[in-house]
PDB file of N, CA and C in Angstrom:
ATOM      1  N   UNK A   1     116.751 104.183 122.902  1.00  0.00           N
ATOM      2  CA  UNK A   1     115.660 103.237 123.009  1.00  0.00           C
ATOM      3  C   UNK A   1     114.342 103.958 122.742  1.00  0.00           C
ATOM      4  N   UNK A   2     113.584 103.461 121.811  1.00  0.00           N
ATOM      5  CA  UNK A   2     112.289 104.039 121.497  1.00  0.00           C
ATOM      6  C   UNK A   2     111.248 103.520 122.470  1.00  0.00           C
ATOM      7  N   UNK A   3     110.501 104.453 123.014  1.00  0.00           N
ATOM      8  CA  UNK A   3     109.445 104.075 123.944  1.00  0.00           C
ATOM      9  C   UNK A   3     108.110 104.109 123.221  1.00  0.00           C
ATOM     10  N   UNK A   4     107.253 103.193 123.575  1.00  0.00           N
ATOM     11  CA  UNK A   4     105.940 103.077 122.942  1.00  0.00           C
ATOM     12  C   UNK A   4     104.872 103.653 123.858  1.00  0.00           C
ATOM     13  N   UNK A   5     103.769 104.024 123.235  1.00  0.00           N
ATOM     14  CA  UNK A   5     102.625 104.463 124.015  1.00  0.00           C
ATOM     15  C   UNK A   5     102.029 103.265 124.745  1.00  0.00           C
ATOM     16  N   UNK A   6     101.673 103.474 125.977  1.00  0.00           N
ATOM     17  CA  UNK A   6     101.106 102.405 126.792  1.00  0.00           C
ATOM     18  C   UNK A   6      99.748 101.990 126.232  1.00  0.00           C
ATOM     19  N   UNK A   7      99.589 100.712 125.873  1.00  0.00           N
ATOM     20  CA  UNK A   7      98.293 100.262 125.349  1.00  0.00           C
ATOM     21  C   UNK A   7      97.192 100.431 126.397  1.00  0.00           C
ATOM     22  N   UNK A   8      96.021 100.783 125.945  1.00  0.00           N
ATOM     23  CA  UNK A   8      94.811 100.965 126.762  1.00  0.00           C
ATOM     24  C   UNK A   8      94.850 102.204 127.651  1.00  0.00           C
ATOM     25  N   UNK A   9      95.936 102.980 127.654  1.00  0.00           N
ATOM     26  CA  UNK A   9      95.952 104.172 128.503  1.00  0.00           C
ATOM     27  C   UNK A   9      95.019 105.244 127.953  1.00  0.00           C
ATOM     28  N   UNK A  10      95.059 105.455 126.648  1.00  0.00           N
ATOM     29  CA  UNK A  10      94.158 106.435 126.035  1.00  0.00           C
ATOM     30  C   UNK A  10      92.706 105.989 126.078  1.00  0.00           C
ATOM     31  N   UNK A  11      92.494 104.699 125.906  1.00  0.00           N
ATOM     32  CA  UNK A  11      91.138 104.161 125.967  1.00  0.00           C
ATOM     33  C   UNK A  11      90.562 104.308 127.366  1.00  0.00           C
ATOM     34  N   UNK A  12      91.374 104.021 128.377  1.00  0.00           N
ATOM     35  CA  UNK A  12      90.920 104.159 129.761  1.00  0.00           C
ATOM     36  C   UNK A  12      90.585 105.610 130.075  1.00  0.00           C
ATOM     37  N   UNK A  13      91.397 106.533 129.573  1.00  0.00           N
ATOM     38  CA  UNK A  13      91.141 107.952 129.790  1.00  0.00           C
ATOM     39  C   UNK A  13      89.844 108.380 129.104  1.00  0.00           C
ATOM     40  N   UNK A  14      89.617 107.891 127.911  1.00  0.00           N
ATOM     41  CA  UNK A  14      88.381 108.204 127.194  1.00  0.00           C
ATOM     42  C   UNK A  14      87.160 107.702 127.951  1.00  0.00           C
ATOM     43  N   UNK A  15      87.236 106.472 128.449  1.00  0.00           N
ATOM     44  CA  UNK A  15      86.115 105.919 129.217  1.00  0.00           C
ATOM     45  C   UNK A  15      85.899 106.682 130.522  1.00  0.00           C
ATOM     46  N   UNK A  16      86.964 107.141 131.149  1.00  0.00           N
ATOM     47  CA  UNK A  16      86.817 107.945 132.363  1.00  0.00           C
ATOM     48  C   UNK A  16      86.120 109.263 132.096  1.00  0.00           C
ATOM     49  N   UNK A  17      86.481 109.906 131.006  1.00  0.00           N
ATOM     50  CA  UNK A  17      85.826 111.164 130.627  1.00  0.00           C
ATOM     51  C   UNK A  17      84.361 110.910 130.274  1.00  0.00           C
ATOM     52  N   UNK A  18      84.107 109.840 129.531  1.00  0.00           N
ATOM     53  CA  UNK A  18      82.724 109.510 129.174  1.00  0.00           C
ATOM     54  C   UNK A  18      81.885 109.188 130.405  1.00  0.00           C
ATOM     55  N   UNK A  19      82.492 108.583 131.395  1.00  0.00           N
ATOM     56  CA  UNK A  19      81.757 108.249 132.621  1.00  0.00           C
ATOM     57  C   UNK A  19      81.205 109.507 133.275  1.00  0.00           C
ATOM     58  N   UNK A  20      82.020 110.535 133.373  1.00  0.00           N
ATOM     59  CA  UNK A  20      81.554 111.782 133.987  1.00  0.00           C
ATOM     60  C   UNK A  20      80.575 112.503 133.072  1.00  0.00           C
ATOM     61  N   UNK A  21      80.899 112.599 131.798  1.00  0.00           N
ATOM     62  CA  UNK A  21      80.050 113.342 130.859  1.00  0.00           C
ATOM     63  C   UNK A  21      78.671 112.699 130.736  1.00  0.00           C
ATOM     64  N   UNK A  22      78.609 111.391 130.604  1.00  0.00           N
ATOM     65  CA  UNK A  22      77.311 110.733 130.457  1.00  0.00           C
ATOM     66  C   UNK A  22      76.487 110.778 131.734  1.00  0.00           C
ATOM     67  N   UNK A  23      77.152 110.740 132.873  1.00  0.00           N
ATOM     68  CA  UNK A  23      76.411 110.839 134.129  1.00  0.00           C
ATOM     69  C   UNK A  23      75.792 112.220 134.281  1.00  0.00           C
ATOM     70  N   UNK A  24      76.547 113.247 133.969  1.00  0.00           N
ATOM     71  CA  UNK A  24      76.049 114.605 134.164  1.00  0.00           C
ATOM     72  C   UNK A  24      75.115 115.071 133.054  1.00  0.00           C
ATOM     73  N   UNK A  25      75.363 114.662 131.822  1.00  0.00           N
ATOM     74  CA  UNK A  25      74.604 115.191 130.699  1.00  0.00           C
ATOM     75  C   UNK A  25      73.460 114.296 130.238  1.00  0.00           C
ATOM     76  N   UNK A  26      73.618 113.007 130.343  1.00  0.00           N
ATOM     77  CA  UNK A  26      72.638 112.114 129.739  1.00  0.00           C
ATOM     78  C   UNK A  26      71.908 111.300 130.792  1.00  0.00           C
ATOM     79  N   UNK A  27      72.525 110.245 131.230  1.00  0.00           N
ATOM     80  CA  UNK A  27      71.871 109.368 132.195  1.00  0.00           C
ATOM     81  C   UNK A  27      72.934 108.650 133.015  1.00  0.00           C
ATOM     82  N   UNK A  28      72.619 108.446 134.277  1.00  0.00           N
ATOM     83  CA  UNK A  28      73.558 107.893 135.228  1.00  0.00           C
ATOM     84  C   UNK A  28      74.038 106.484 134.970  1.00  0.00           C
ATOM     85  N   UNK A  29      73.154 105.557 134.626  1.00  0.00           N
ATOM     86  CA  UNK A  29      73.621 104.170 134.475  1.00  0.00           C
ATOM     87  C   UNK A  29      74.704 104.003 133.415  1.00  0.00           C
ATOM     88  N   UNK A  30      74.602 104.724 132.313  1.00  0.00           N
ATOM     89  CA  UNK A  30      75.634 104.613 131.292  1.00  0.00           C
ATOM     90  C   UNK A  30      76.961 105.160 131.801  1.00  0.00           C
ATOM     91  N   UNK A  31      76.911 106.215 132.593  1.00  0.00           N
ATOM     92  CA  UNK A  31      78.131 106.747 133.190  1.00  0.00           C
ATOM     93  C   UNK A  31      78.778 105.749 134.121  1.00  0.00           C
ATOM     94  N   UNK A  32      77.975 105.055 134.898  1.00  0.00           N
ATOM     95  CA  UNK A  32      78.507 104.019 135.785  1.00  0.00           C
ATOM     96  C   UNK A  32      79.120 102.871 135.012  1.00  0.00           C
ATOM     97  N   UNK A  33      78.477 102.479 133.943  1.00  0.00           N
ATOM     98  CA  UNK A  33      78.998 101.388 133.116  1.00  0.00           C
ATOM     99  C   UNK A  33      80.328 101.775 132.489  1.00  0.00           C
ATOM    100  N   UNK A  34      80.406 102.987 131.931  1.00  0.00           N
ATOM    101  CA  UNK A  34      81.663 103.430 131.330  1.00  0.00           C
ATOM    102  C   UNK A  34      82.745 103.624 132.388  1.00  0.00           C
ATOM    103  N   UNK A  35      82.364 103.998 133.609  1.00  0.00           N
ATOM    104  CA  UNK A  35      83.331 104.108 134.689  1.00  0.00           C
ATOM    105  C   UNK A  35      83.943 102.764 135.033  1.00  0.00           C
ATOM    106  N   UNK A  36      83.115 101.737 135.092  1.00  0.00           N
ATOM    107  CA  UNK A  36      83.621 100.392 135.382  1.00  0.00           C
ATOM    108  C   UNK A  36      84.525  99.898 134.255  1.00  0.00           C
ATOM    109  N   UNK A  37      84.131 100.152 133.017  1.00  0.00           N
ATOM    110  CA  UNK A  37      84.975  99.760 131.885  1.00  0.00           C
ATOM    111  C   UNK A  37      86.302 100.525 131.929  1.00  0.00           C
ATOM    112  N   UNK A  38      86.244 101.809 132.278  1.00  0.00           N
ATOM    113  CA  UNK A  38      87.467 102.609 132.386  1.00  0.00           C
ATOM    114  C   UNK A  38      88.405 102.078 133.453  1.00  0.00           C
ATOM    115  N   UNK A  39      87.854 101.644 134.584  1.00  0.00           N
ATOM    116  CA  UNK A  39      88.695 101.053 135.631  1.00  0.00           C
ATOM    117  C   UNK A  39      89.341  99.757 135.153  1.00  0.00           C
ATOM    118  N   UNK A  40      88.581  98.977 134.417  1.00  0.00           N
ATOM    119  CA  UNK A  40      89.114  97.723 133.891  1.00  0.00           C
ATOM    120  C   UNK A  40      90.257  97.977 132.910  1.00  0.00           C
ATOM    121  N   UNK A  41      90.063  98.937 132.021  1.00  0.00           N
ATOM    122  CA  UNK A  41      91.114  99.274 131.052  1.00  0.00           C
ATOM    123  C   UNK A  41      92.348  99.852 131.753  1.00  0.00           C
ATOM    124  N   UNK A  42      92.129 100.667 132.796  1.00  0.00           N
ATOM    125  CA  UNK A  42      93.251 101.237 133.537  1.00  0.00           C
ATOM    126  C   UNK A  42      94.040 100.144 134.257  1.00  0.00           C
ATOM    127  N   UNK A  43      93.333  99.168 134.799  1.00  0.00           N
ATOM    128  CA  UNK A  43      94.014  98.064 135.465  1.00  0.00           C
ATOM    129  C   UNK A  43      94.834  97.252 134.466  1.00  0.00           C
ATOM    130  N   UNK A  44      94.274  97.026 133.290  1.00  0.00           N
ATOM    131  CA  UNK A  44      94.993  96.297 132.242  1.00  0.00           C
ATOM    132  C   UNK A  44      96.246  97.067 131.807  1.00  0.00           C
ATOM    133  N   UNK A  45      96.114  98.376 131.627  1.00  0.00           N
ATOM    134  CA  UNK A  45      97.257  99.196 131.220  1.00  0.00           C
ATOM    135  C   UNK A  45      98.317  99.225 132.312  1.00  0.00           C
ATOM    136  N   UNK A  46      97.900  99.275 133.559  1.00  0.00           N
ATOM    137  CA  UNK A  46      98.866  99.277 134.664  1.00  0.00           C
ATOM    138  C   UNK A  46      99.630  97.949 134.727  1.00  0.00           C
ATOM    139  N   UNK A  47      98.927  96.861 134.494  1.00  0.00           N
ATOM    140  CA  UNK A  47      99.578  95.554 134.495  1.00  0.00           C
ATOM    141  C   UNK A  47     100.623  95.478 133.376  1.00  0.00           C
ATOM    142  N   UNK A  48     100.296  95.996 132.208  1.00  0.00           N
ATOM    143  CA  UNK A  48     101.250  96.006 131.095  1.00  0.00           C
ATOM    144  C   UNK A  48     102.447  96.891 131.439  1.00  0.00           C
ATOM    145  N   UNK A  49     102.181  98.044 132.041  1.00  0.00           N
ATOM    146  CA  UNK A  49     103.261  98.970 132.390  1.00  0.00           C
ATOM    147  C   UNK A  49     104.198  98.362 133.431  1.00  0.00           C
ATOM    148  N   UNK A  50     103.649  97.659 134.401  1.00  0.00           N
ATOM    149  CA  UNK A  50     104.475  97.085 135.464  1.00  0.00           C
ATOM    150  C   UNK A  50     105.374  95.961 134.977  1.00  0.00           C
ATOM    151  N   UNK A  51     105.036  95.323 133.871  1.00  0.00           N
ATOM    152  CA  UNK A  51     105.908  94.275 133.346  1.00  0.00           C
ATOM    153  C   UNK A  51     107.182  94.860 132.738  1.00  0.00           C
ATOM    154  N   UNK A  52     107.051  95.981 132.006  1.00  0.00           N
ATOM    155  CA  UNK A  52     108.208  96.634 131.382  1.00  0.00           C
ATOM    156  C   UNK A  52     108.059  98.151 131.460  1.00  0.00           C
ATOM    157  N   UNK A  53     108.362  98.759 132.596  1.00  0.00           N
ATOM    158  CA  UNK A  53     108.146 100.203 132.739  1.00  0.00           C
ATOM    159  C   UNK A  53     109.028 101.063 131.825  1.00  0.00           C
ATOM    160  N   UNK A  54     110.191 100.558 131.450  1.00  0.00           N
ATOM    161  CA  UNK A  54     111.079 101.355 130.591  1.00  0.00           C
ATOM    162  C   UNK A  54     110.637 101.366 129.136  1.00  0.00           C
ATOM    163  N   UNK A  55     109.771 100.468 128.769  1.00  0.00           N
ATOM    164  CA  UNK A  55     109.355 100.348 127.377  1.00  0.00           C
ATOM    165  C   UNK A  55     108.229 101.313 127.019  1.00  0.00           C
ATOM    166  N   UNK A  56     107.394 101.689 127.989  1.00  0.00           N
ATOM    167  CA  UNK A  56     106.183 102.455 127.702  1.00  0.00           C
ATOM    168  C   UNK A  56     106.213 103.832 128.361  1.00  0.00           C
ATOM    169  N   UNK A  57     105.485 104.750 127.764  1.00  0.00           N
ATOM    170  CA  UNK A  57     105.200 106.041 128.397  1.00  0.00           C
ATOM    171  C   UNK A  57     103.692 106.247 128.366  1.00  0.00           C
ATOM    172  N   UNK A  58     103.198 107.155 129.181  1.00  0.00           N
ATOM    173  CA  UNK A  58     101.770 107.428 129.230  1.00  0.00           C
ATOM    174  C   UNK A  58     101.100 106.898 130.479  1.00  0.00           C
ATOM    175  N   UNK A  59     101.894 106.600 131.513  1.00  0.00           N
ATOM    176  CA  UNK A  59     101.301 106.075 132.745  1.00  0.00           C
ATOM    177  C   UNK A  59     100.465 107.136 133.460  1.00  0.00           C
ATOM    178  N   UNK A  60     100.746 108.421 133.199  1.00  0.00           N
ATOM    179  CA  UNK A  60      99.962 109.493 133.805  1.00  0.00           C
ATOM    180  C   UNK A  60      98.508 109.415 133.362  1.00  0.00           C
ATOM    181  N   UNK A  61      98.287 108.990 132.122  1.00  0.00           N
ATOM    182  CA  UNK A  61      96.918 108.817 131.625  1.00  0.00           C
ATOM    183  C   UNK A  61      96.173 107.753 132.414  1.00  0.00           C
ATOM    184  N   UNK A  62      96.883 106.730 132.839  1.00  0.00           N
ATOM    185  CA  UNK A  62      96.251 105.652 133.593  1.00  0.00           C
ATOM    186  C   UNK A  62      95.799 106.172 134.960  1.00  0.00           C
ATOM    187  N   UNK A  63      96.649 106.958 135.606  1.00  0.00           N
ATOM    188  CA  UNK A  63      96.275 107.533 136.909  1.00  0.00           C
ATOM    189  C   UNK A  63      95.060 108.455 136.768  1.00  0.00           C
ATOM    190  N   UNK A  64      95.096 109.298 135.755  1.00  0.00           N
ATOM    191  CA  UNK A  64      93.988 110.218 135.519  1.00  0.00           C
ATOM    192  C   UNK A  64      92.715 109.465 135.171  1.00  0.00           C
ATOM    193  N   UNK A  65      92.834 108.433 134.364  1.00  0.00           N
ATOM    194  CA  UNK A  65      91.663 107.632 133.980  1.00  0.00           C
ATOM    195  C   UNK A  65      91.037 106.968 135.196  1.00  0.00           C
ATOM    196  N   UNK A  66      91.860 106.471 136.097  1.00  0.00           N
ATOM    197  CA  UNK A  66      91.338 105.826 137.303  1.00  0.00           C
ATOM    198  C   UNK A  66      90.559 106.831 138.158  1.00  0.00           C
ATOM    199  N   UNK A  67      91.109 108.021 138.320  1.00  0.00           N
ATOM    200  CA  UNK A  67      90.436 109.051 139.119  1.00  0.00           C
ATOM    201  C   UNK A  67      89.118 109.459 138.468  1.00  0.00           C
ATOM    202  N   UNK A  68      89.132 109.693 137.162  1.00  0.00           N
ATOM    203  CA  UNK A  68      87.913 110.091 136.458  1.00  0.00           C
ATOM    204  C   UNK A  68      86.863 108.991 136.499  1.00  0.00           C
ATOM    205  N   UNK A  69      87.286 107.746 136.398  1.00  0.00           N
ATOM    206  CA  UNK A  69      86.337 106.637 136.443  1.00  0.00           C
ATOM    207  C   UNK A  69      85.688 106.536 137.822  1.00  0.00           C
ATOM    208  N   UNK A  70      86.486 106.704 138.875  1.00  0.00           N
ATOM    209  CA  UNK A  70      85.926 106.680 140.232  1.00  0.00           C
ATOM    210  C   UNK A  70      84.935 107.829 140.431  1.00  0.00           C
ATOM    211  N   UNK A  71      85.265 109.000 139.915  1.00  0.00           N
ATOM    212  CA  UNK A  71      84.346 110.141 140.033  1.00  0.00           C
ATOM    213  C   UNK A  71      83.058 109.862 139.268  1.00  0.00           C
ATOM    214  N   UNK A  72      83.168 109.301 138.066  1.00  0.00           N
ATOM    215  CA  UNK A  72      81.983 108.969 137.277  1.00  0.00           C
ATOM    216  C   UNK A  72      81.103 107.947 137.965  1.00  0.00           C
ATOM    217  N   UNK A  73      81.705 106.931 138.576  1.00  0.00           N
ATOM    218  CA  UNK A  73      80.922 105.920 139.293  1.00  0.00           C
ATOM    219  C   UNK A  73      80.254 106.537 140.519  1.00  0.00           C
ATOM    220  N   UNK A  74      80.977 107.395 141.233  1.00  0.00           N
ATOM    221  CA  UNK A  74      80.398 108.046 142.409  1.00  0.00           C
ATOM    222  C   UNK A  74      79.230 108.950 142.026  1.00  0.00           C
ATOM    223  N   UNK A  75      79.390 109.705 140.953  1.00  0.00           N
ATOM    224  CA  UNK A  75      78.292 110.568 140.494  1.00  0.00           C
ATOM    225  C   UNK A  75      77.084 109.743 140.055  1.00  0.00           C
ATOM    226  N   UNK A  76      77.328 108.623 139.402  1.00  0.00           N
ATOM    227  CA  UNK A  76      76.229 107.755 138.981  1.00  0.00           C
ATOM    228  C   UNK A  76      75.506 107.182 140.194  1.00  0.00           C
ATOM    229  N   UNK A  77      76.257 106.818 141.229  1.00  0.00           N
ATOM    230  CA  UNK A  77      75.638 106.285 142.448  1.00  0.00           C
ATOM    231  C   UNK A  77      74.818 107.355 143.163  1.00  0.00           C
ATOM    232  N   UNK A  78      75.350 108.571 143.220  1.00  0.00           N
ATOM    233  CA  UNK A  78      74.603 109.669 143.851  1.00  0.00           C
ATOM    234  C   UNK A  78      73.331 109.959 143.067  1.00  0.00           C
ATOM    235  N   UNK A  79      73.419 109.969 141.751  1.00  0.00           N
ATOM    236  CA  UNK A  79      72.243 110.194 140.919  1.00  0.00           C
ATOM    237  C   UNK A  79      71.208 109.088 141.123  1.00  0.00           C
ATOM    238  N   UNK A  80      71.666 107.861 141.267  1.00  0.00           N
ATOM    239  CA  UNK A  80      70.755 106.741 141.513  1.00  0.00           C
ATOM    240  C   UNK A  80      70.031 106.907 142.843  1.00  0.00           C
ATOM    241  N   UNK A  81      70.746 107.312 143.885  1.00  0.00           N
ATOM    242  CA  UNK A  81      70.119 107.516 145.199  1.00  0.00           C
ATOM    243  C   UNK A  81      69.085 108.630 145.123  1.00  0.00           C
ATOM    244  N   UNK A  82      69.426 109.741 144.481  1.00  0.00           N
ATOM    245  CA  UNK A  82      68.469 110.842 144.351  1.00  0.00           C
ATOM    246  C   UNK A  82      67.247 110.443 143.531  1.00  0.00           C
ATOM    247  N   UNK A  83      67.430 109.637 142.514  1.00  0.00           N
ATOM    248  CA  UNK A  83      66.304 109.168 141.708  1.00  0.00           C
ATOM    249  C   UNK A  83      65.378 108.276 142.526  1.00  0.00           C
ATOM    250  N   UNK A  84      65.947 107.397 143.327  1.00  0.00           N
ATOM    251  CA  UNK A  84      65.135 106.533 144.187  1.00  0.00           C
ATOM    252  C   UNK A  84      64.364 107.364 145.203  1.00  0.00           C
ATOM    253  N   UNK A  85      65.017 108.355 145.807  1.00  0.00           N
ATOM    254  CA  UNK A  85      64.337 109.225 146.769  1.00  0.00           C
ATOM    255  C   UNK A  85      63.228 110.009 146.086  1.00  0.00           C
ATOM    256  N   UNK A  86      63.490 110.518 144.901  1.00  0.00           N
ATOM    257  CA  UNK A  86      62.506 111.313 144.161  1.00  0.00           C
ATOM    258  C   UNK A  86      61.250 110.495 143.859  1.00  0.00           C
ATOM    259  N   UNK A  87      61.442 109.308 143.269  1.00  0.00           N
ATOM    260  CA  UNK A  87      60.277 108.498 142.924  1.00  0.00           C
ATOM    261  C   UNK A  87      59.610 107.912 144.165  1.00  0.00           C
ATOM    262  N   UNK A  88      60.378 107.685 145.213  1.00  0.00           N
ATOM    263  CA  UNK A  88      59.778 107.250 146.474  1.00  0.00           C
ATOM    264  C   UNK A  88      58.893 108.328 147.075  1.00  0.00           C
ATOM    265  N   UNK A  89      59.320 109.575 146.987  1.00  0.00           N
ATOM    266  CA  UNK A  89      58.509 110.683 147.495  1.00  0.00           C
ATOM    267  C   UNK A  89      57.233 110.836 146.675  1.00  0.00           C
ATOM    268  N   UNK A  90      57.336 110.691 145.367  1.00  0.00           N
ATOM    269  CA  UNK A  90      56.134 110.775 144.524  1.00  0.00           C
ATOM    270  C   UNK A  90      55.163 109.648 144.871  1.00  0.00           C
ATOM    271  N   UNK A  91      55.681 108.437 145.050  1.00  0.00           N
ATOM    272  CA  UNK A  91      54.814 107.303 145.408  1.00  0.00           C
ATOM    273  C   UNK A  91      54.176 107.523 146.767  1.00  0.00           C
ATOM    274  N   UNK A  92      54.907 108.108 147.711  1.00  0.00           N
ATOM    275  CA  UNK A  92      54.351 108.375 149.038  1.00  0.00           C
ATOM    276  C   UNK A  92      53.255 109.437 148.972  1.00  0.00           C
ATOM    277  N   UNK A  93      53.435 110.451 148.153  1.00  0.00           N
ATOM    278  CA  UNK A  93      52.417 111.499 148.007  1.00  0.00           C
ATOM    279  C   UNK A  93      51.163 110.924 147.373  1.00  0.00           C
ATOM    280  N   UNK A  94      51.321 110.116 146.344  1.00  0.00           N
ATOM    281  CA  UNK A  94      50.159 109.501 145.680  1.00  0.00           C
ATOM    282  C   UNK A  94      49.446 108.556 146.640  1.00  0.00           C
ATOM    283  N   UNK A  95      50.212 107.768 147.385  1.00  0.00           N
ATOM    284  CA  UNK A  95      49.591 106.844 148.337  1.00  0.00           C
ATOM    285  C   UNK A  95      48.882 107.592 149.448  1.00  0.00           C
ATOM    286  N   UNK A  96      49.455 108.679 149.908  1.00  0.00           N
ATOM    287  CA  UNK A  96      48.806 109.476 150.949  1.00  0.00           C
ATOM    288  C   UNK A  96      47.535 110.136 150.449  1.00  0.00           C
ATOM    289  N   UNK A  97      47.555 110.640 149.217  1.00  0.00           N
ATOM    290  CA  UNK A  97      46.372 111.270 148.640  1.00  0.00           C
ATOM    291  C   UNK A  97      45.284 110.236 148.383  1.00  0.00           C
ATOM    292  N   UNK A  98      45.666 109.047 147.989  1.00  0.00           N
ATOM    293  CA  UNK A  98      44.685 107.995 147.719  1.00  0.00           C
ATOM    294  C   UNK A  98      44.043 107.525 149.014  1.00  0.00           C
ATOM    295  N   UNK A  99      44.779 107.487 150.096  1.00  0.00           N
ATOM    296  CA  UNK A  99      44.205 107.020 151.356  1.00  0.00           C
ATOM    297  C   UNK A  99      43.292 108.076 151.974  1.00  0.00           C
ATOM    298  N   UNK A 100      43.444 109.340 151.625  1.00  0.00           N
ATOM    299  CA  UNK A 100      42.564 110.396 152.130  1.00  0.00           C
ATOM    300  C   UNK A 100      41.331 110.560 151.267  1.00  0.00           C
ATOM    301  N   UNK A 101      41.245 109.836 150.204  1.00  0.00           N
ATOM    302  CA  UNK A 101      40.077 109.895 149.351  1.00  0.00           C
ATOM    303  C   UNK A 101      40.108 111.008 148.323  1.00  0.00           C
ATOM    304  N   UNK A 102      41.268 111.521 148.014  1.00  0.00           N
ATOM    305  CA  UNK A 102      41.373 112.616 147.052  1.00  0.00           C
ATOM    306  C   UNK A 102      41.085 112.166 145.628  1.00  0.00           C
ATOM    307  N   UNK A 103      41.209 110.875 145.357  1.00  0.00           N
ATOM    308  CA  UNK A 103      40.982 110.377 144.005  1.00  0.00           C
ATOM    309  C   UNK A 103      39.613 109.744 143.844  1.00  0.00           C
ATOM    310  N   UNK A 104      38.657 110.049 144.670  1.00  0.00           N
ATOM    311  CA  UNK A 104      37.327 109.429 144.572  1.00  0.00           C
ATOM    312  C   UNK A 104      36.403 110.234 143.708  1.00  0.00           C
TER     313      UNK A 104
END
């Protein structure tokens, strides 16, 4: 019996890798978006695999893609929190300096 590659398993893995890479190298929101897409593709691939497990191979990619997507989403969320804290601190410093009359 010839086994086929599980559809969307490679795509889900690619999106999981992109989620981490884009969060760390470029910008967080895109990493979060690709992480969510990767989870969606992994869920679709898992549903296909569960209908006929003997027909497909590559389920390990789905597990790995899910883990990478969760890591990418978590990193994007952490980056978002740090960005909010950073700009909040800058706004607080500017507001404090303005109230002391430093900008007069």
